């Protein structure tokens, strides 16, 4: 356990060297645990982790600059929900609409795994339903759900994304589906 922590800390320290000065490195969420395939060269690990952390920062803040830095121009959402545009604009659309319901949405990265050309993130979202969602006005109730994202990273940017959110828990917390 101690060796994993030190390896993850070393990876994070080396990643921080590569963080763009366009925003503070404190804006990039730090995973609680990082597991990296040792066969991936260190520079590639850094590039993959930075792309993922930028995208995590986008979901944590809603700031489009992070999505633009993280996503490839030809980004594909491989389980695109109905009504969401494909490509980087789809992520911006999703964030804008979800933040209309949960303006204080926050993301914690429980774990980040780097395997081959993939980054897998175990994510934890929290906030309060104080906006509106599908015509229903929020009452400030707490929102707390998990998600798992899998990114394929190419040339330092996320080219593809597969994601699974605990939508049942979310919709129950929003009061859309009764328990």
C-alpha atoms as a PDB file:
ATOM      1  CA  UNK A   1       0.000   0.000   0.000  1.00  0.00           C
ATOM      2  CA  UNK A   2       2.802   2.420   0.929  1.00  0.00           C
ATOM      3  CA  UNK A   3       4.639   1.679  -2.327  1.00  0.00           C
ATOM      4  CA  UNK A   4       1.482   2.377  -4.379  1.00  0.00           C
ATOM      5  CA  UNK A   5       1.011   5.704  -2.622  1.00  0.00           C
ATOM      6  CA  UNK A   6       4.615   6.749  -3.251  1.00  0.00           C
ATOM      7  CA  UNK A   7       4.404   5.692  -6.898  1.00  0.00           C
ATOM      8  CA  UNK A   8       1.184   7.673  -7.317  1.00  0.00           C
ATOM      9  CA  UNK A   9       2.694  10.667  -5.569  1.00  0.00           C
ATOM     10  CA  UNK A  10       5.744  10.496  -7.852  1.00  0.00           C
ATOM     11  CA  UNK A  11       3.471  10.386 -10.908  1.00  0.00           C
ATOM     12  CA  UNK A  12       1.482  13.383  -9.663  1.00  0.00           C
ATOM     13  CA  UNK A  13       4.627  15.384  -8.962  1.00  0.00           C
ATOM     14  CA  UNK A  14       5.953  14.685 -12.434  1.00  0.00           C
ATOM     15  CA  UNK A  15       2.560  15.506 -13.992  1.00  0.00           C
ATOM     16  CA  UNK A  16       2.466  18.865 -12.266  1.00  0.00           C
ATOM     17  CA  UNK A  17       5.623  19.877 -14.123  1.00  0.00           C
ATOM     18  CA  UNK A  18       3.644  19.638 -17.372  1.00  0.00           C
ATOM     19  CA  UNK A  19       0.574  21.592 -16.243  1.00  0.00           C
ATOM     20  CA  UNK A  20      -0.114  24.595 -18.457  1.00  0.00           C
ATOM     21  CA  UNK A  21       0.295  28.002 -16.888  1.00  0.00           C
ATOM     22  CA  UNK A  22      -3.052  29.065 -18.416  1.00  0.00           C
ATOM     23  CA  UNK A  23      -4.667  27.969 -15.138  1.00  0.00           C
ATOM     24  CA  UNK A  24      -3.474  27.109 -11.675  1.00  0.00           C
ATOM     25  CA  UNK A  25      -2.451  23.521 -11.105  1.00  0.00           C
ATOM     26  CA  UNK A  26      -4.628  23.628  -7.981  1.00  0.00           C
ATOM     27  CA  UNK A  27      -7.614  23.702 -10.359  1.00  0.00           C
ATOM     28  CA  UNK A  28      -6.881  20.128 -11.491  1.00  0.00           C
ATOM     29  CA  UNK A  29      -8.434  17.507  -9.213  1.00  0.00           C
ATOM     30  CA  UNK A  30      -5.922  15.203  -7.576  1.00  0.00           C
ATOM     31  CA  UNK A  31      -6.968  11.534  -7.556  1.00  0.00           C
ATOM     32  CA  UNK A  32      -6.981   9.883  -4.140  1.00  0.00           C
ATOM     33  CA  UNK A  33      -5.273   6.847  -5.652  1.00  0.00           C
ATOM     34  CA  UNK A  34      -3.390   6.319  -8.900  1.00  0.00           C
ATOM     35  CA  UNK A  35      -2.512   2.977 -10.422  1.00  0.00           C
ATOM     36  CA  UNK A  36      -0.343   3.057 -13.518  1.00  0.00           C
ATOM     37  CA  UNK A  37       0.689   0.229 -15.828  1.00  0.00           C
ATOM     38  CA  UNK A  38       4.477   0.126 -15.429  1.00  0.00           C
ATOM     39  CA  UNK A  39       4.917  -0.756 -19.106  1.00  0.00           C
ATOM     40  CA  UNK A  40       3.658   2.712 -20.131  1.00  0.00           C
ATOM     41  CA  UNK A  41       6.566   5.156 -20.577  1.00  0.00           C
ATOM     42  CA  UNK A  42       6.617   7.922 -17.958  1.00  0.00           C
ATOM     43  CA  UNK A  43       6.072  10.714 -20.503  1.00  0.00           C
ATOM     44  CA  UNK A  44       2.998   8.925 -21.857  1.00  0.00           C
ATOM     45  CA  UNK A  45       1.683   8.375 -18.309  1.00  0.00           C
ATOM     46  CA  UNK A  46       2.085  12.089 -17.622  1.00  0.00           C
ATOM     47  CA  UNK A  47       0.299  13.039 -20.835  1.00  0.00           C
ATOM     48  CA  UNK A  48      -2.580  10.636 -20.200  1.00  0.00           C
ATOM     49  CA  UNK A  49      -3.008  11.700 -16.587  1.00  0.00           C
ATOM     50  CA  UNK A  50      -2.907  15.391 -17.491  1.00  0.00           C
ATOM     51  CA  UNK A  51      -5.635  14.973 -20.136  1.00  0.00           C
ATOM     52  CA  UNK A  52      -7.815  13.120 -17.621  1.00  0.00           C
ATOM     53  CA  UNK A  53      -7.191  15.650 -14.835  1.00  0.00           C
ATOM     54  CA  UNK A  54      -8.097  18.495 -17.187  1.00  0.00           C
ATOM     55  CA  UNK A  55     -11.368  16.771 -18.044  1.00  0.00           C
ATOM     56  CA  UNK A  56     -12.025  16.097 -14.358  1.00  0.00           C
ATOM     57  CA  UNK A  57     -11.430  19.828 -13.744  1.00  0.00           C
ATOM     58  CA  UNK A  58     -14.026  20.607 -16.402  1.00  0.00           C
ATOM     59  CA  UNK A  59     -16.635  18.487 -14.615  1.00  0.00           C
ATOM     60  CA  UNK A  60     -15.574  19.911 -11.249  1.00  0.00           C
ATOM     61  CA  UNK A  61     -15.845  23.551 -12.334  1.00  0.00           C
ATOM     62  CA  UNK A  62     -17.894  23.715 -15.532  1.00  0.00           C
ATOM     63  CA  UNK A  63     -15.093  25.825 -17.056  1.00  0.00           C
ATOM     64  CA  UNK A  64     -14.981  25.136 -20.803  1.00  0.00           C
ATOM     65  CA  UNK A  65     -11.223  25.868 -21.030  1.00  0.00           C
ATOM     66  CA  UNK A  66     -10.554  22.559 -19.293  1.00  0.00           C
ATOM     67  CA  UNK A  67     -12.703  20.567 -21.737  1.00  0.00           C
ATOM     68  CA  UNK A  68     -11.076  22.344 -24.675  1.00  0.00           C
ATOM     69  CA  UNK A  69      -7.620  21.464 -23.330  1.00  0.00           C
ATOM     70  CA  UNK A  70      -8.580  17.842 -22.598  1.00  0.00           C
ATOM     71  CA  UNK A  71     -10.677  16.750 -25.579  1.00  0.00           C
ATOM     72  CA  UNK A  72      -9.475  15.995 -29.087  1.00  0.00           C
ATOM     73  CA  UNK A  73     -11.206  17.867 -31.904  1.00  0.00           C
ATOM     74  CA  UNK A  74     -12.593  14.516 -33.113  1.00  0.00           C
ATOM     75  CA  UNK A  75     -13.648  13.400 -29.593  1.00  0.00           C
ATOM     76  CA  UNK A  76     -16.326  10.697 -29.570  1.00  0.00           C
ATOM     77  CA  UNK A  77     -18.696   9.909 -26.699  1.00  0.00           C
ATOM     78  CA  UNK A  78     -19.223   6.174 -27.140  1.00  0.00           C
ATOM     79  CA  UNK A  79     -22.426   6.048 -25.075  1.00  0.00           C
ATOM     80  CA  UNK A  80     -23.960   9.300 -26.104  1.00  0.00           C
ATOM     81  CA  UNK A  81     -27.266   9.977 -24.320  1.00  0.00           C
ATOM     82  CA  UNK A  82     -30.266  10.919 -26.451  1.00  0.00           C
ATOM     83  CA  UNK A  83     -30.409  14.610 -27.247  1.00  0.00           C
ATOM     84  CA  UNK A  84     -26.729  15.296 -26.587  1.00  0.00           C
ATOM     85  CA  UNK A  85     -24.568  16.461 -29.507  1.00  0.00           C
ATOM     86  CA  UNK A  86     -21.549  14.352 -30.399  1.00  0.00           C
ATOM     87  CA  UNK A  87     -18.015  15.684 -29.982  1.00  0.00           C
ATOM     88  CA  UNK A  88     -16.590  18.269 -27.598  1.00  0.00           C
ATOM     89  CA  UNK A  89     -19.765  20.349 -27.891  1.00  0.00           C
ATOM     90  CA  UNK A  90     -21.697  17.453 -26.346  1.00  0.00           C
ATOM     91  CA  UNK A  91     -19.639  17.634 -23.160  1.00  0.00           C
ATOM     92  CA  UNK A  92     -20.170  21.403 -22.942  1.00  0.00           C
ATOM     93  CA  UNK A  93     -23.906  20.896 -23.540  1.00  0.00           C
ATOM     94  CA  UNK A  94     -24.128  18.215 -20.826  1.00  0.00           C
ATOM     95  CA  UNK A  95     -22.254  20.278 -18.258  1.00  0.00           C
ATOM     96  CA  UNK A  96     -24.299  23.412 -18.931  1.00  0.00           C
ATOM     97  CA  UNK A  97     -27.580  21.525 -18.585  1.00  0.00           C
ATOM     98  CA  UNK A  98     -26.558  19.599 -15.499  1.00  0.00           C
ATOM     99  CA  UNK A  99     -25.191  22.715 -13.824  1.00  0.00           C
ATOM    100  CA  UNK A 100     -28.572  24.372 -14.464  1.00  0.00           C
ATOM    101  CA  UNK A 101     -29.908  21.779 -11.992  1.00  0.00           C
ATOM    102  CA  UNK A 102     -26.887  21.453  -9.690  1.00  0.00           C
ATOM    103  CA  UNK A 103     -24.938  24.734  -9.888  1.00  0.00           C
ATOM    104  CA  UNK A 104     -22.505  23.769  -7.106  1.00  0.00           C
ATOM    105  CA  UNK A 105     -21.588  20.392  -8.647  1.00  0.00           C
ATOM    106  CA  UNK A 106     -18.236  19.087  -7.383  1.00  0.00           C
ATOM    107  CA  UNK A 107     -16.171  16.121  -8.476  1.00  0.00           C
ATOM    108  CA  UNK A 108     -13.735  14.011  -6.490  1.00  0.00           C
ATOM    109  CA  UNK A 109     -11.564  11.449  -8.234  1.00  0.00           C
ATOM    110  CA  UNK A 110     -11.515   8.381  -6.029  1.00  0.00           C
ATOM    111  CA  UNK A 111      -9.130   6.478  -8.281  1.00  0.00           C
ATOM    112  CA  UNK A 112      -7.392   6.891 -11.619  1.00  0.00           C
ATOM    113  CA  UNK A 113      -5.975   3.899 -13.489  1.00  0.00           C
ATOM    114  CA  UNK A 114      -3.650   4.228 -16.484  1.00  0.00           C
ATOM    115  CA  UNK A 115      -3.693   1.087 -18.622  1.00  0.00           C
ATOM    116  CA  UNK A 116      -2.489   0.887 -22.228  1.00  0.00           C
ATOM    117  CA  UNK A 117      -3.903   4.001 -23.903  1.00  0.00           C
ATOM    118  CA  UNK A 118      -6.812   4.224 -21.438  1.00  0.00           C
ATOM    119  CA  UNK A 119      -7.495   6.172 -18.274  1.00  0.00           C
ATOM    120  CA  UNK A 120     -10.201   4.802 -16.003  1.00  0.00           C
ATOM    121  CA  UNK A 121     -11.633   7.117 -13.378  1.00  0.00           C
ATOM    122  CA  UNK A 122     -13.799   6.232 -10.407  1.00  0.00           C
ATOM    123  CA  UNK A 123     -15.615   9.498  -9.803  1.00  0.00           C
ATOM    124  CA  UNK A 124     -17.773  10.878  -6.993  1.00  0.00           C
ATOM    125  CA  UNK A 125     -20.096  13.836  -7.657  1.00  0.00           C
ATOM    126  CA  UNK A 126     -21.814  15.957  -5.007  1.00  0.00           C
ATOM    127  CA  UNK A 127     -23.839  19.147  -4.942  1.00  0.00           C
ATOM    128  CA  UNK A 128     -27.316  20.493  -4.286  1.00  0.00           C
ATOM    129  CA  UNK A 129     -30.385  20.471  -6.503  1.00  0.00           C
ATOM    130  CA  UNK A 130     -31.065  24.189  -6.334  1.00  0.00           C
ATOM    131  CA  UNK A 131     -31.733  24.832 -10.026  1.00  0.00           C
ATOM    132  CA  UNK A 132     -34.196  23.175 -12.369  1.00  0.00           C
ATOM    133  CA  UNK A 133     -34.201  19.853 -14.185  1.00  0.00           C
ATOM    134  CA  UNK A 134     -36.768  18.814 -16.823  1.00  0.00           C
ATOM    135  CA  UNK A 135     -39.197  21.428 -15.553  1.00  0.00           C
ATOM    136  CA  UNK A 136     -38.817  20.504 -11.897  1.00  0.00           C
ATOM    137  CA  UNK A 137     -37.493  23.196  -9.556  1.00  0.00           C
ATOM    138  CA  UNK A 138     -34.927  22.038  -7.026  1.00  0.00           C
ATOM    139  CA  UNK A 139     -35.345  22.540  -3.306  1.00  0.00           C
ATOM    140  CA  UNK A 140     -31.659  22.493  -2.329  1.00  0.00           C
ATOM    141  CA  UNK A 141     -31.568  18.797  -1.520  1.00  0.00           C
ATOM    142  CA  UNK A 142     -28.187  17.060  -1.571  1.00  0.00           C
ATOM    143  CA  UNK A 143     -27.058  15.210  -4.689  1.00  0.00           C
ATOM    144  CA  UNK A 144     -24.449  12.467  -4.257  1.00  0.00           C
ATOM    145  CA  UNK A 145     -23.703   9.883  -6.964  1.00  0.00           C
ATOM    146  CA  UNK A 146     -20.862   7.958  -8.539  1.00  0.00           C
ATOM    147  CA  UNK A 147     -19.661   7.431 -12.085  1.00  0.00           C
ATOM    148  CA  UNK A 148     -16.979   5.531 -13.940  1.00  0.00           C
ATOM    149  CA  UNK A 149     -15.324   7.007 -17.012  1.00  0.00           C
ATOM    150  CA  UNK A 150     -12.974   5.307 -19.455  1.00  0.00           C
ATOM    151  CA  UNK A 151     -10.975   7.581 -21.740  1.00  0.00           C
ATOM    152  CA  UNK A 152      -8.844   6.601 -24.718  1.00  0.00           C
ATOM    153  CA  UNK A 153      -6.053   9.121 -24.896  1.00  0.00           C
ATOM    154  CA  UNK A 154      -4.213   9.864 -28.146  1.00  0.00           C
ATOM    155  CA  UNK A 155      -1.629  12.597 -28.647  1.00  0.00           C
ATOM    156  CA  UNK A 156      -2.252  13.974 -25.162  1.00  0.00           C
ATOM    157  CA  UNK A 157      -6.004  14.415 -25.576  1.00  0.00           C
ATOM    158  CA  UNK A 158      -9.082  12.345 -24.880  1.00  0.00           C
ATOM    159  CA  UNK A 159     -10.221  10.857 -28.180  1.00  0.00           C
ATOM    160  CA  UNK A 160     -13.002   8.586 -26.878  1.00  0.00           C
ATOM    161  CA  UNK A 161     -15.052   8.299 -23.702  1.00  0.00           C
ATOM    162  CA  UNK A 162     -17.191   5.518 -22.279  1.00  0.00           C
ATOM    163  CA  UNK A 163     -19.057   6.451 -19.106  1.00  0.00           C
ATOM    164  CA  UNK A 164     -21.523   5.002 -16.662  1.00  0.00           C
ATOM    165  CA  UNK A 165     -23.276   7.169 -14.077  1.00  0.00           C
ATOM    166  CA  UNK A 166     -25.485   5.989 -11.234  1.00  0.00           C
ATOM    167  CA  UNK A 167     -28.481   7.655 -12.866  1.00  0.00           C
ATOM    168  CA  UNK A 168     -31.013   5.768 -10.737  1.00  0.00           C
ATOM    169  CA  UNK A 169     -29.582   7.244  -7.516  1.00  0.00           C
ATOM    170  CA  UNK A 170     -29.313  10.665  -9.151  1.00  0.00           C
ATOM    171  CA  UNK A 171     -32.892  10.685 -10.466  1.00  0.00           C
ATOM    172  CA  UNK A 172     -34.168   9.494  -7.068  1.00  0.00           C
ATOM    173  CA  UNK A 173     -32.260  12.283  -5.326  1.00  0.00           C
ATOM    174  CA  UNK A 174     -33.652  14.826  -7.781  1.00  0.00           C
ATOM    175  CA  UNK A 175     -37.166  13.528  -7.037  1.00  0.00           C
ATOM    176  CA  UNK A 176     -37.759  12.543 -10.676  1.00  0.00           C
ATOM    177  CA  UNK A 177     -38.072   8.839  -9.730  1.00  0.00           C
ATOM    178  CA  UNK A 178     -39.654   7.901  -6.418  1.00  0.00           C
ATOM    179  CA  UNK A 179     -37.794   5.458  -4.147  1.00  0.00           C
END
